[in-house]
Amino acid sequence: MSESGREMRVTRTEDEPAIMAISRAVGVFSAEEVDTVQELLDEYRTRGAEVSGYHFLSCLVDRRVAGYACYGPRALTDGTYDLFWIATDPAVQGRGIGGALSARCAELVKSVGGRLLVAETSGLPQYAPTRRFYETHGYRLEANITDFYAPGDDLCIFILRV
């Protein structure tokens, strides 16, 4: 247990219902994206992090899952990792949970020889807080691909050198 009753740990099976509830509650993930979180969790649970390539972290506050992150190595690269998902329960947003998860992902990537963490997000207005989050936590906007997801929905690629 660390400060303020906060604990960071590798995600356990019993964390999955809370992770899925958070994924639905954040209000920006589409139904398809929420389904994808479940698919990655299923792969992580059944095949393990090393085989599936999906590493999940849970952040608990007072023994309840308050946020999660999922990262993994990017195929065909040397030391590049993707930050696939990072989300905090809206009831506890603004308390440093997302920042702590991001920092822990970066530490873990660095500890295995990783050098670059890549986060991709949408350019839609509702994702402005997400883009600010990345910038606030040391990520740099490396590229923007106009109309990537759909007309008017850009792909914003952020990087963090670890």
Protein backbone atom coordinates (compact mmCIF):
# COMPACT_ATOMS: atom_id res chain seq x y z
CA MET A 1 0.00 0.00 0.00
CA SER A 2 1.32 3.42 -0.79
CA GLU A 3 0.24 6.98 -0.10
CA SER A 4 -3.44 7.76 0.49
CA GLY A 5 -4.50 4.12 0.50
CA ARG A 6 -3.39 3.77 -3.15
CA GLU A 7 -1.98 0.49 -4.42
CA MET A 8 -0.59 -0.27 -7.88
CA ARG A 9 -0.58 -3.91 -8.94
CA VAL A 10 -0.68 -6.26 -11.88
CA THR A 11 -4.34 -6.74 -12.78
CA ARG A 12 -6.02 -9.77 -11.28
CA THR A 13 -9.10 -11.63 -12.50
CA GLU A 14 -11.19 -10.11 -9.71
CA ASP A 15 -10.36 -6.62 -11.07
CA GLU A 16 -12.05 -7.25 -14.42
CA PRO A 17 -15.64 -6.24 -13.50
CA ALA A 18 -14.39 -2.89 -12.16
CA ILE A 19 -12.20 -2.35 -15.23
CA MET A 20 -15.18 -2.94 -17.49
CA ALA A 21 -17.38 -0.65 -15.37
CA ILE A 22 -14.75 2.10 -15.60
CA SER A 23 -14.48 1.59 -19.36
CA ARG A 24 -18.21 2.16 -19.71
CA ALA A 25 -18.34 5.03 -17.19
CA VAL A 26 -15.64 7.28 -18.66
CA GLY A 27 -18.08 8.33 -21.34
CA VAL A 28 -15.73 8.60 -24.31
CA PHE A 29 -15.22 4.96 -25.30
CA SER A 30 -17.60 3.62 -27.93
CA ALA A 31 -19.35 0.27 -27.41
CA GLU A 32 -16.83 -1.24 -29.83
CA GLU A 33 -13.94 0.16 -27.80
CA VAL A 34 -15.40 -1.19 -24.55
CA ASP A 35 -15.76 -4.59 -26.24
CA THR A 36 -12.10 -4.35 -27.25
CA VAL A 37 -11.05 -3.77 -23.64
CA GLN A 38 -12.88 -6.99 -22.76
CA GLU A 39 -11.16 -8.86 -25.61
CA LEU A 40 -7.73 -7.70 -24.42
CA LEU A 41 -8.55 -8.66 -20.84
CA ASP A 42 -9.64 -12.11 -22.05
CA GLU A 43 -6.35 -12.55 -23.92
CA TYR A 44 -4.38 -11.33 -20.89
CA ARG A 45 -6.22 -13.70 -18.54
CA THR A 46 -6.11 -16.80 -20.73
CA ARG A 47 -2.70 -16.46 -22.40
CA GLY A 48 -0.79 -14.30 -19.94
CA ALA A 49 0.92 -10.97 -20.48
CA GLU A 50 4.06 -12.27 -22.15
CA VAL A 51 2.26 -14.40 -24.75
CA SER A 52 -0.68 -12.07 -25.39
CA GLY A 53 1.46 -8.93 -25.36
CA TYR A 54 -1.11 -7.14 -23.18
CA HIS A 55 0.09 -6.02 -19.76
CA PHE A 56 -2.64 -4.72 -17.45
CA LEU A 57 -2.12 -2.65 -14.31
CA SER A 58 -4.77 -1.82 -11.75
CA CYS A 59 -4.66 1.12 -9.39
CA LEU A 60 -6.64 0.55 -6.22
CA VAL A 61 -7.76 3.25 -3.82
CA ASP A 62 -8.89 1.93 -0.47
CA ARG A 63 -8.84 -1.58 -1.98
CA ARG A 64 -11.19 -0.72 -4.86
CA VAL A 65 -10.10 -0.53 -8.50
CA ALA A 66 -10.02 3.17 -9.35
CA GLY A 67 -8.17 2.99 -12.66
CA TYR A 68 -6.31 0.76 -15.05
CA ALA A 69 -3.81 0.80 -17.86
CA CYS A 70 -2.93 -1.64 -20.61
CA TYR A 71 0.36 -1.52 -22.49
CA GLY A 72 2.44 -3.87 -24.58
CA PRO A 73 5.29 -4.19 -27.06
CA ARG A 74 4.69 -3.01 -30.60
CA ALA A 75 5.39 -5.73 -33.15
CA LEU A 76 8.37 -5.35 -35.47
CA THR A 77 10.04 -2.66 -33.35
CA ASP A 78 13.01 -2.53 -31.00
CA GLY A 79 11.94 -1.20 -27.61
CA THR A 80 8.72 0.52 -28.66
CA TYR A 81 5.60 -0.06 -26.58
CA ASP A 82 2.00 0.98 -27.04
CA LEU A 83 -0.10 2.41 -24.24
CA PHE A 84 -3.36 0.85 -25.39
CA TRP A 85 -5.67 2.04 -22.63
CA ILE A 86 -5.54 4.20 -19.55
CA ALA A 87 -8.71 5.12 -17.68
CA THR A 88 -9.77 6.34 -14.26
CA ASP A 89 -13.14 5.99 -12.58
CA PRO A 90 -14.88 9.35 -13.11
CA ALA A 91 -15.70 9.45 -9.38
CA VAL A 92 -11.99 9.78 -8.57
CA GLN A 93 -10.59 11.61 -11.60
CA GLY A 94 -8.22 14.46 -10.85
CA ARG A 95 -6.55 12.69 -7.93
CA GLY A 96 -3.39 11.60 -9.73
CA ILE A 97 -4.44 8.04 -10.50
CA GLY A 98 -3.99 8.32 -14.27
CA GLY A 99 -0.63 10.02 -13.81
CA ALA A 100 0.50 7.29 -11.42
CA LEU A 101 -0.58 4.60 -13.89
CA SER A 102 1.22 6.34 -16.75
CA ALA A 103 4.40 6.70 -14.68
CA ARG A 104 4.29 3.03 -13.63
CA CYS A 105 3.83 1.90 -17.24
CA ALA A 106 6.85 3.99 -18.23
CA GLU A 107 8.92 2.50 -15.38
CA LEU A 108 7.98 -1.04 -16.35
CA VAL A 109 8.69 -0.44 -20.04
CA LYS A 110 12.09 1.04 -19.18
CA SER A 111 12.89 -1.85 -16.82
CA VAL A 112 12.68 -4.33 -19.72
CA GLY A 113 14.76 -2.22 -22.10
CA GLY A 114 11.93 -0.29 -23.68
CA ARG A 115 12.72 3.17 -24.96
CA LEU A 116 9.49 4.60 -26.36
CA LEU A 117 5.87 4.58 -25.21
CA VAL A 118 3.27 5.46 -27.88
CA ALA A 119 -0.27 6.59 -27.08
CA GLU A 120 -2.84 7.13 -29.82
CA THR A 121 -6.07 9.04 -29.35
CA SER A 122 -8.78 10.85 -31.20
CA GLY A 123 -8.73 14.49 -32.25
CA LEU A 124 -12.44 14.93 -31.47
CA PRO A 125 -13.34 17.68 -28.97
CA GLN A 126 -14.45 15.18 -26.31
CA TYR A 127 -10.89 13.79 -26.28
CA ALA A 128 -9.31 17.18 -25.47
CA PRO A 129 -8.90 16.18 -21.79
CA THR A 130 -7.13 13.01 -22.91
CA ARG A 131 -4.73 14.96 -25.11
CA ARG A 132 -4.06 17.40 -22.25
CA PHE A 133 -3.43 14.45 -19.94
CA TYR A 134 -0.71 13.11 -22.22
CA GLU A 135 0.92 16.51 -22.60
CA THR A 136 0.79 17.13 -18.84
CA HIS A 137 2.50 13.80 -18.20
CA GLY A 138 5.45 14.32 -20.51
CA TYR A 139 4.16 12.94 -23.79
CA ARG A 140 4.76 14.94 -26.94
CA LEU A 141 2.39 15.11 -29.90
CA GLU A 142 4.52 13.45 -32.56
CA ALA A 143 2.02 13.18 -35.39
CA ASN A 144 -1.52 14.05 -36.38
CA ILE A 145 -3.25 12.20 -39.21
CA THR A 146 -6.26 14.15 -40.44
CA ASP A 147 -9.54 12.24 -40.92
CA PHE A 148 -7.93 8.96 -39.79
CA TYR A 149 -10.79 7.41 -37.82
CA ALA A 150 -13.51 9.11 -39.83
CA PRO A 151 -14.02 12.42 -41.60
CA GLY A 152 -13.31 15.07 -38.98
CA ASP A 153 -11.79 12.58 -36.51
CA ASP A 154 -8.01 12.81 -36.53
CA LEU A 155 -5.50 10.37 -35.09
CA CYS A 156 -3.20 12.07 -32.57
CA ILE A 157 -0.02 10.13 -31.82
CA PHE A 158 1.79 10.99 -28.60
CA ILE A 159 5.17 9.63 -27.56
CA LEU A 160 7.05 9.43 -24.30
CA ARG A 161 10.74 8.60 -24.35
CA VAL A 162 11.54 6.42 -21.38
